Amino acid sequence: MALRPSSRFWAALLVGLAVGVGYPYIDLALKCRNPASEACVWGKAYCALTLGASVVLIGGVTAGLLYAHMRWRGKRGGGACA
């Protein structure tokens, strides 16, 4: 089933937003396995800055690449695996 162009855009935007918001929290969880470590302390201190930058940079790149991939797959004439 092929998605309409507007549906592709919103799907890519939602995935990009999820990746952009999720990445800093996953990174912080990995750094804070030892709560007294310097990486955990600095990660918590800069969490808001990291979250804002991650949504724009990582989420934007992810959304753009996903949208381009979905458009390219749509132009090729099929999204179903044979």
PDB file of N, CA and C in Angstrom:
ATOM      1  N   MET A   1       0.842  -1.168   0.000  1.00  0.00           N
ATOM      2  CA  MET A   1       0.000   0.000   0.000  1.00  0.00           C
ATOM      3  C   MET A   1       0.891   1.236   0.000  1.00  0.00           C
ATOM      4  N   ALA A   2       0.693   2.087  -0.952  1.00  0.00           N
ATOM      5  CA  ALA A   2       1.512   3.297  -1.094  1.00  0.00           C
ATOM      6  C   ALA A   2       0.908   4.429  -0.273  1.00  0.00           C
ATOM      7  N   LEU A   3       1.785   5.232   0.294  1.00  0.00           N
ATOM      8  CA  LEU A   3       1.353   6.395   1.058  1.00  0.00           C
ATOM      9  C   LEU A   3       1.245   7.608   0.150  1.00  0.00           C
ATOM     10  N   ARG A   4       0.306   8.488   0.453  1.00  0.00           N
ATOM     11  CA  ARG A   4       0.210   9.746  -0.260  1.00  0.00           C
ATOM     12  C   ARG A   4       1.385  10.624   0.122  1.00  0.00           C
ATOM     13  N   PRO A   5       1.731  11.614  -0.710  1.00  0.00           N
ATOM     14  CA  PRO A   5       2.875  12.485  -0.390  1.00  0.00           C
ATOM     15  C   PRO A   5       2.751  13.172   0.968  1.00  0.00           C
ATOM     16  N   SER A   6       1.563  13.623   1.328  1.00  0.00           N
ATOM     17  CA  SER A   6       1.423  14.289   2.636  1.00  0.00           C
ATOM     18  C   SER A   6       1.585  13.281   3.775  1.00  0.00           C
ATOM     19  N   SER A   7       1.124  12.060   3.582  1.00  0.00           N
ATOM     20  CA  SER A   7       1.298  11.029   4.606  1.00  0.00           C
ATOM     21  C   SER A   7       2.766  10.660   4.757  1.00  0.00           C
ATOM     22  N   ARG A   8       3.494  10.630   3.655  1.00  0.00           N
ATOM     23  CA  ARG A   8       4.930  10.355   3.718  1.00  0.00           C
ATOM     24  C   ARG A   8       5.640  11.414   4.544  1.00  0.00           C
ATOM     25  N   PHE A   9       5.277  12.667   4.302  1.00  0.00           N
ATOM     26  CA  PHE A   9       5.890  13.776   5.026  1.00  0.00           C
ATOM     27  C   PHE A   9       5.654  13.655   6.525  1.00  0.00           C
ATOM     28  N   TRP A  10       4.413  13.425   6.924  1.00  0.00           N
ATOM     29  CA  TRP A  10       4.090  13.354   8.345  1.00  0.00           C
ATOM     30  C   TRP A  10       4.709  12.125   8.995  1.00  0.00           C
ATOM     31  N   ALA A  11       4.748  11.009   8.271  1.00  0.00           N
ATOM     32  CA  ALA A  11       5.376   9.808   8.819  1.00  0.00           C
ATOM     33  C   ALA A  11       6.874  10.043   9.035  1.00  0.00           C
ATOM     34  N   ALA A  12       7.536  10.647   8.058  1.00  0.00           N
ATOM     35  CA  ALA A  12       8.968  10.935   8.191  1.00  0.00           C
ATOM     36  C   ALA A  12       9.210  11.942   9.308  1.00  0.00           C
ATOM     37  N   LEU A  13       8.349  12.928   9.444  1.00  0.00           N
ATOM     38  CA  LEU A  13       8.492  13.924  10.500  1.00  0.00           C
ATOM     39  C   LEU A  13       8.333  13.299  11.882  1.00  0.00           C
ATOM     40  N   LEU A  14       7.379  12.408  12.042  1.00  0.00           N
ATOM     41  CA  LEU A  14       7.175  11.757  13.331  1.00  0.00           C
ATOM     42  C   LEU A  14       8.337  10.836  13.690  1.00  0.00           C
ATOM     43  N   VAL A  15       8.849  10.095  12.722  1.00  0.00           N
ATOM     44  CA  VAL A  15       9.999   9.229  12.984  1.00  0.00           C
ATOM     45  C   VAL A  15      11.220  10.077  13.337  1.00  0.00           C
ATOM     46  N   GLY A  16      11.443  11.151  12.599  1.00  0.00           N
ATOM     47  CA  GLY A  16      12.556  12.038  12.896  1.00  0.00           C
ATOM     48  C   GLY A  16      12.449  12.654  14.284  1.00  0.00           C
ATOM     49  N   LEU A  17      11.250  13.038  14.670  1.00  0.00           N
ATOM     50  CA  LEU A  17      11.032  13.598  16.001  1.00  0.00           C
ATOM     51  C   LEU A  17      11.299  12.551  17.081  1.00  0.00           C
ATOM     52  N   ALA A  18      10.837  11.335  16.862  1.00  0.00           N
ATOM     53  CA  ALA A  18      11.065  10.268  17.837  1.00  0.00           C
ATOM     54  C   ALA A  18      12.554   9.961  17.986  1.00  0.00           C
ATOM     55  N   VAL A  19      13.273   9.925  16.874  1.00  0.00           N
ATOM     56  CA  VAL A  19      14.710   9.665  16.932  1.00  0.00           C
ATOM     57  C   VAL A  19      15.433  10.836  17.598  1.00  0.00           C
ATOM     58  N   GLY A  20      15.063  12.046  17.234  1.00  0.00           N
ATOM     59  CA  GLY A  20      15.713  13.225  17.799  1.00  0.00           C
ATOM     60  C   GLY A  20      15.485  13.377  19.290  1.00  0.00           C
ATOM     61  N   VAL A  21      14.314  13.020  19.768  1.00  0.00           N
ATOM     62  CA  VAL A  21      14.022  13.114  21.200  1.00  0.00           C
ATOM     63  C   VAL A  21      14.590  11.905  21.946  1.00  0.00           C
ATOM     64  N   GLY A  22      14.544  10.757  21.341  1.00  0.00           N
ATOM     65  CA  GLY A  22      14.980   9.534  22.015  1.00  0.00           C
ATOM     66  C   GLY A  22      16.478   9.407  22.179  1.00  0.00           C
ATOM     67  N   TYR A  23      17.244   9.909  21.218  1.00  0.00           N
ATOM     68  CA  TYR A  23      18.692   9.732  21.263  1.00  0.00           C
ATOM     69  C   TYR A  23      19.345  10.294  22.519  1.00  0.00           C
ATOM     70  N   PRO A  24      19.061  11.534  22.949  1.00  0.00           N
ATOM     71  CA  PRO A  24      19.728  12.045  24.155  1.00  0.00           C
ATOM     72  C   PRO A  24      19.409  11.238  25.409  1.00  0.00           C
ATOM     73  N   TYR A  25      18.176  10.733  25.503  1.00  0.00           N
ATOM     74  CA  TYR A  25      17.810   9.963  26.684  1.00  0.00           C
ATOM     75  C   TYR A  25      18.497   8.595  26.697  1.00  0.00           C
ATOM     76  N   ILE A  26      18.627   7.978  25.551  1.00  0.00           N
ATOM     77  CA  ILE A  26      19.350   6.706  25.471  1.00  0.00           C
ATOM     78  C   ILE A  26      20.826   6.933  25.776  1.00  0.00           C
ATOM     79  N   ASP A  27      21.385   7.980  25.236  1.00  0.00           N
ATOM     80  CA  ASP A  27      22.786   8.305  25.499  1.00  0.00           C
ATOM     81  C   ASP A  27      23.009   8.581  26.985  1.00  0.00           C
ATOM     82  N   LEU A  28      22.108   9.311  27.603  1.00  0.00           N
ATOM     83  CA  LEU A  28      22.215   9.622  29.028  1.00  0.00           C
ATOM     84  C   LEU A  28      22.066   8.355  29.873  1.00  0.00           C
ATOM     85  N   ALA A  29      21.174   7.475  29.487  1.00  0.00           N
ATOM     86  CA  ALA A  29      20.998   6.226  30.230  1.00  0.00           C
ATOM     87  C   ALA A  29      22.264   5.373  30.163  1.00  0.00           C
ATOM     88  N   LEU A  30      22.921   5.372  29.020  1.00  0.00           N
ATOM     89  CA  LEU A  30      24.163   4.606  28.899  1.00  0.00           C
ATOM     90  C   LEU A  30      25.297   5.246  29.705  1.00  0.00           C
ATOM     91  N   LYS A  31      25.348   6.567  29.723  1.00  0.00           N
ATOM     92  CA  LYS A  31      26.394   7.260  30.479  1.00  0.00           C
ATOM     93  C   LYS A  31      26.179   7.161  31.981  1.00  0.00           C
ATOM     94  N   CYS A  32      24.950   7.053  32.411  1.00  0.00           N
ATOM     95  CA  CYS A  32      24.645   7.070  33.841  1.00  0.00           C
ATOM     96  C   CYS A  32      24.544   5.677  34.448  1.00  0.00           C
ATOM     97  N   ARG A  33      25.172   4.709  33.822  1.00  0.00           N
ATOM     98  CA  ARG A  33      25.234   3.408  34.484  1.00  0.00           C
ATOM     99  C   ARG A  33      26.034   3.533  35.777  1.00  0.00           C
ATOM    100  N   ASN A  34      26.976   4.472  35.781  1.00  0.00           N
ATOM    101  CA  ASN A  34      27.693   4.841  36.997  1.00  0.00           C
ATOM    102  C   ASN A  34      27.307   6.292  37.304  1.00  0.00           C
ATOM    103  N   PRO A  35      26.339   6.519  38.205  1.00  0.00           N
ATOM    104  CA  PRO A  35      25.818   7.873  38.432  1.00  0.00           C
ATOM    105  C   PRO A  35      26.849   8.891  38.909  1.00  0.00           C
ATOM    106  N   ALA A  36      27.938   8.434  39.473  1.00  0.00           N
ATOM    107  CA  ALA A  36      28.948   9.372  39.971  1.00  0.00           C
ATOM    108  C   ALA A  36      29.975   9.738  38.908  1.00  0.00           C
ATOM    109  N   SER A  37      29.846   9.183  37.711  1.00  0.00           N
ATOM    110  CA  SER A  37      30.843   9.458  36.670  1.00  0.00           C
ATOM    111  C   SER A  37      30.706  10.886  36.151  1.00  0.00           C
ATOM    112  N   GLU A  38      31.791  11.397  35.646  1.00  0.00           N
ATOM    113  CA  GLU A  38      31.800  12.758  35.117  1.00  0.00           C
ATOM    114  C   GLU A  38      30.899  12.885  33.892  1.00  0.00           C
ATOM    115  N   ALA A  39      30.866  11.833  33.070  1.00  0.00           N
ATOM    116  CA  ALA A  39      30.008  11.862  31.877  1.00  0.00           C
ATOM    117  C   ALA A  39      28.537  11.969  32.254  1.00  0.00           C
ATOM    118  N   CYS A  40      28.136  11.302  33.324  1.00  0.00           N
ATOM    119  CA  CYS A  40      26.739  11.364  33.764  1.00  0.00           C
ATOM    120  C   CYS A  40      26.407  12.754  34.311  1.00  0.00           C
ATOM    121  N   VAL A  41      27.300  13.310  35.096  1.00  0.00           N
ATOM    122  CA  VAL A  41      27.054  14.637  35.677  1.00  0.00           C
ATOM    123  C   VAL A  41      26.935  15.696  34.581  1.00  0.00           C
ATOM    124  N   TRP A  42      27.871  15.684  33.626  1.00  0.00           N
ATOM    125  CA  TRP A  42      27.809  16.662  32.534  1.00  0.00           C
ATOM    126  C   TRP A  42      26.636  16.384  31.599  1.00  0.00           C
ATOM    127  N   GLY A  43      26.308  15.123  31.403  1.00  0.00           N
ATOM    128  CA  GLY A  43      25.158  14.777  30.559  1.00  0.00           C
ATOM    129  C   GLY A  43      23.860  15.309  31.127  1.00  0.00           C
ATOM    130  N   LYS A  44      23.694  15.198  32.428  1.00  0.00           N
ATOM    131  CA  LYS A  44      22.488  15.736  33.072  1.00  0.00           C
ATOM    132  C   LYS A  44      22.477  17.259  33.024  1.00  0.00           C
ATOM    133  N   ALA A  45      23.638  17.873  33.186  1.00  0.00           N
ATOM    134  CA  ALA A  45      23.711  19.334  33.184  1.00  0.00           C
ATOM    135  C   ALA A  45      23.347  19.915  31.817  1.00  0.00           C
ATOM    136  N   TYR A  46      23.751  19.252  30.771  1.00  0.00           N
ATOM    137  CA  TYR A  46      23.514  19.764  29.411  1.00  0.00           C
ATOM    138  C   TYR A  46      22.372  19.046  28.694  1.00  0.00           C
ATOM    139  N   CYS A  47      21.492  18.419  29.443  1.00  0.00           N
ATOM    140  CA  CYS A  47      20.405  17.644  28.831  1.00  0.00           C
ATOM    141  C   CYS A  47      19.483  18.515  27.964  1.00  0.00           C
ATOM    142  N   ALA A  48      19.110  19.681  28.435  1.00  0.00           N
ATOM    143  CA  ALA A  48      18.198  20.543  27.669  1.00  0.00           C
ATOM    144  C   ALA A  48      18.841  21.016  26.365  1.00  0.00           C
ATOM    145  N   LEU A  49      20.101  21.397  26.444  1.00  0.00           N
ATOM    146  CA  LEU A  49      20.815  21.827  25.241  1.00  0.00           C
ATOM    147  C   LEU A  49      20.971  20.679  24.252  1.00  0.00           C
ATOM    148  N   THR A  50      21.321  19.518  24.764  1.00  0.00           N
ATOM    149  CA  THR A  50      21.494  18.345  23.912  1.00  0.00           C
ATOM    150  C   THR A  50      20.182  17.939  23.259  1.00  0.00           C
ATOM    151  N   LEU A  51      19.100  18.022  24.014  1.00  0.00           N
ATOM    152  CA  LEU A  51      17.790  17.658  23.472  1.00  0.00           C
ATOM    153  C   LEU A  51      17.393  18.584  22.331  1.00  0.00           C
ATOM    154  N   GLY A  52      17.576  19.878  22.518  1.00  0.00           N
ATOM    155  CA  GLY A  52      17.233  20.833  21.455  1.00  0.00           C
ATOM    156  C   GLY A  52      18.067  20.639  20.206  1.00  0.00           C
ATOM    157  N   ALA A  53      19.359  20.441  20.380  1.00  0.00           N
ATOM    158  CA  ALA A  53      20.240  20.242  19.231  1.00  0.00           C
ATOM    159  C   ALA A  53      19.961  18.909  18.553  1.00  0.00           C
ATOM    160  N   SER A  54      19.660  17.898  19.334  1.00  0.00           N
ATOM    161  CA  SER A  54      19.406  16.570  18.769  1.00  0.00           C
ATOM    162  C   SER A  54      18.134  16.548  17.927  1.00  0.00           C
ATOM    163  N   VAL A  55      17.094  17.221  18.399  1.00  0.00           N
ATOM    164  CA  VAL A  55      15.840  17.253  17.636  1.00  0.00           C
ATOM    165  C   VAL A  55      16.068  17.925  16.280  1.00  0.00           C
ATOM    166  N   VAL A  56      16.809  19.024  16.303  1.00  0.00           N
ATOM    167  CA  VAL A  56      17.041  19.752  15.053  1.00  0.00           C
ATOM    168  C   VAL A  56      18.014  19.000  14.141  1.00  0.00           C
ATOM    169  N   LEU A  57      19.145  18.598  14.674  1.00  0.00           N
ATOM    170  CA  LEU A  57      20.183  17.988  13.838  1.00  0.00           C
ATOM    171  C   LEU A  57      19.903  16.527  13.511  1.00  0.00           C
ATOM    172  N   ILE A  58      19.841  15.693  14.512  1.00  0.00           N
ATOM    173  CA  ILE A  58      19.672  14.255  14.266  1.00  0.00           C
ATOM    174  C   ILE A  58      18.272  13.953  13.747  1.00  0.00           C
ATOM    175  N   GLY A  59      17.259  14.559  14.375  1.00  0.00           N
ATOM    176  CA  GLY A  59      15.887  14.340  13.920  1.00  0.00           C
ATOM    177  C   GLY A  59      15.637  14.888  12.528  1.00  0.00           C
ATOM    178  N   GLY A  60      16.206  16.066  12.232  1.00  0.00           N
ATOM    179  CA  GLY A  60      16.030  16.653  10.898  1.00  0.00           C
ATOM    180  C   GLY A  60      16.683  15.835   9.802  1.00  0.00           C
ATOM    181  N   VAL A  61      17.885  15.363  10.077  1.00  0.00           N
ATOM    182  CA  VAL A  61      18.578  14.530   9.082  1.00  0.00           C
ATOM    183  C   VAL A  61      17.839  13.215   8.891  1.00  0.00           C
ATOM    184  N   THR A  62      17.397  12.604   9.981  1.00  0.00           N
ATOM    185  CA  THR A  62      16.659  11.345   9.889  1.00  0.00           C
ATOM    186  C   THR A  62      15.363  11.521   9.105  1.00  0.00           C
ATOM    187  N   ALA A  63      14.620  12.570   9.407  1.00  0.00           N
ATOM    188  CA  ALA A  63      13.361  12.820   8.703  1.00  0.00           C
ATOM    189  C   ALA A  63      13.605  13.083   7.223  1.00  0.00           C
ATOM    190  N   GLY A  64      14.618  13.863   6.911  1.00  0.00           N
ATOM    191  CA  GLY A  64      14.918  14.155   5.511  1.00  0.00           C
ATOM    192  C   GLY A  64      15.326  12.921   4.728  1.00  0.00           C
ATOM    193  N   LEU A  65      16.185  12.115   5.319  1.00  0.00           N
ATOM    194  CA  LEU A  65      16.610  10.890   4.633  1.00  0.00           C
ATOM    195  C   LEU A  65      15.462   9.903   4.474  1.00  0.00           C
ATOM    196  N   LEU A  66      14.637   9.767   5.497  1.00  0.00           N
ATOM    197  CA  LEU A  66      13.494   8.860   5.406  1.00  0.00           C
ATOM    198  C   LEU A  66      12.494   9.335   4.364  1.00  0.00           C
ATOM    199  N   TYR A  67      12.225  10.636   4.325  1.00  0.00           N
ATOM    200  CA  TYR A  67      11.293  11.169   3.332  1.00  0.00           C
ATOM    201  C   TYR A  67      11.831  10.982   1.915  1.00  0.00           C
ATOM    202  N   ALA A  68      13.125  11.222   1.728  1.00  0.00           N
ATOM    203  CA  ALA A  68      13.726  11.011   0.404  1.00  0.00           C
ATOM    204  C   ALA A  68      13.656   9.548   0.008  1.00  0.00           C
ATOM    205  N   HIS A  69      13.889   8.663   0.962  1.00  0.00           N
ATOM    206  CA  HIS A  69      13.812   7.230   0.665  1.00  0.00           C
ATOM    207  C   HIS A  69      12.395   6.819   0.291  1.00  0.00           C
ATOM    208  N   MET A  70      11.406   7.335   1.014  1.00  0.00           N
ATOM    209  CA  MET A  70      10.018   6.980   0.706  1.00  0.00           C
ATOM    210  C   MET A  70       9.597   7.533  -0.656  1.00  0.00           C
ATOM    211  N   ARG A  71      10.048   8.730  -0.993  1.00  0.00           N
ATOM    212  CA  ARG A  71       9.736   9.279  -2.326  1.00  0.00           C
ATOM    213  C   ARG A  71      10.400   8.465  -3.417  1.00  0.00           C
ATOM    214  N   TRP A  72      11.652   8.065  -3.196  1.00  0.00           N
ATOM    215  CA  TRP A  72      12.387   7.278  -4.183  1.00  0.00           C
ATOM    216  C   TRP A  72      11.722   5.919  -4.377  1.00  0.00           C
ATOM    217  N   ARG A  73      11.288   5.287  -3.274  1.00  0.00           N
ATOM    218  CA  ARG A  73      10.607   3.996  -3.386  1.00  0.00           C
ATOM    219  C   ARG A  73       9.273   4.150  -4.111  1.00  0.00           C
ATOM    220  N   GLY A  74       8.591   5.277  -3.884  1.00  0.00           N
ATOM    221  CA  GLY A  74       7.311   5.507  -4.542  1.00  0.00           C
ATOM    222  C   GLY A  74       7.472   5.715  -6.038  1.00  0.00           C
ATOM    223  N   LYS A  75       8.545   6.358  -6.468  1.00  0.00           N
ATOM    224  CA  LYS A  75       8.781   6.597  -7.894  1.00  0.00           C
ATOM    225  C   LYS A  75       9.205   5.325  -8.615  1.00  0.00           C
ATOM    226  N   ARG A  76       9.816   4.403  -7.892  1.00  0.00           N
ATOM    227  CA  ARG A  76      10.253   3.161  -8.509  1.00  0.00           C
ATOM    228  C   ARG A  76       9.080   2.269  -8.860  1.00  0.00           C
ATOM    229  N   GLY A  77       7.933   2.527  -8.246  1.00  0.00           N
ATOM    230  CA  GLY A  77       6.734   1.813  -8.656  1.00  0.00           C
ATOM    231  C   GLY A  77       6.295   0.712  -7.734  1.00  0.00           C
ATOM    232  N   GLY A  78       6.900   0.556  -6.616  1.00  0.00           N
ATOM    233  CA  GLY A  78       6.412  -0.462  -5.698  1.00  0.00           C
ATOM    234  C   GLY A  78       7.153  -0.441  -4.403  1.00  0.00           C
ATOM    235  N   GLY A  79       6.438  -0.742  -3.373  1.00  0.00           N
ATOM    236  CA  GLY A  79       7.038  -0.822  -2.071  1.00  0.00           C
ATOM    237  C   GLY A  79       6.955  -2.235  -1.512  1.00  0.00           C
ATOM    238  N   ALA A  80       6.288  -3.131  -2.275  1.00  0.00           N
ATOM    239  CA  ALA A  80       6.109  -4.498  -1.779  1.00  0.00           C
ATOM    240  C   ALA A  80       7.296  -5.359  -2.148  1.00  0.00           C
ATOM    241  N   CYS A  81       7.670  -6.194  -1.222  1.00  0.00           N
ATOM    242  CA  CYS A  81       8.755  -7.144  -1.478  1.00  0.00           C
ATOM    243  C   CYS A  81       8.181  -8.361  -2.197  1.00  0.00           C
ATOM    244  N   ALA A  82       8.915  -8.826  -3.172  1.00  0.00           N
ATOM    245  CA  ALA A  82       8.420  -9.980  -3.928  1.00  0.00           C
ATOM    246  C   ALA A  82       9.035 -11.252  -3.424  1.00  0.00           C
TER     247      ALA A  82
END
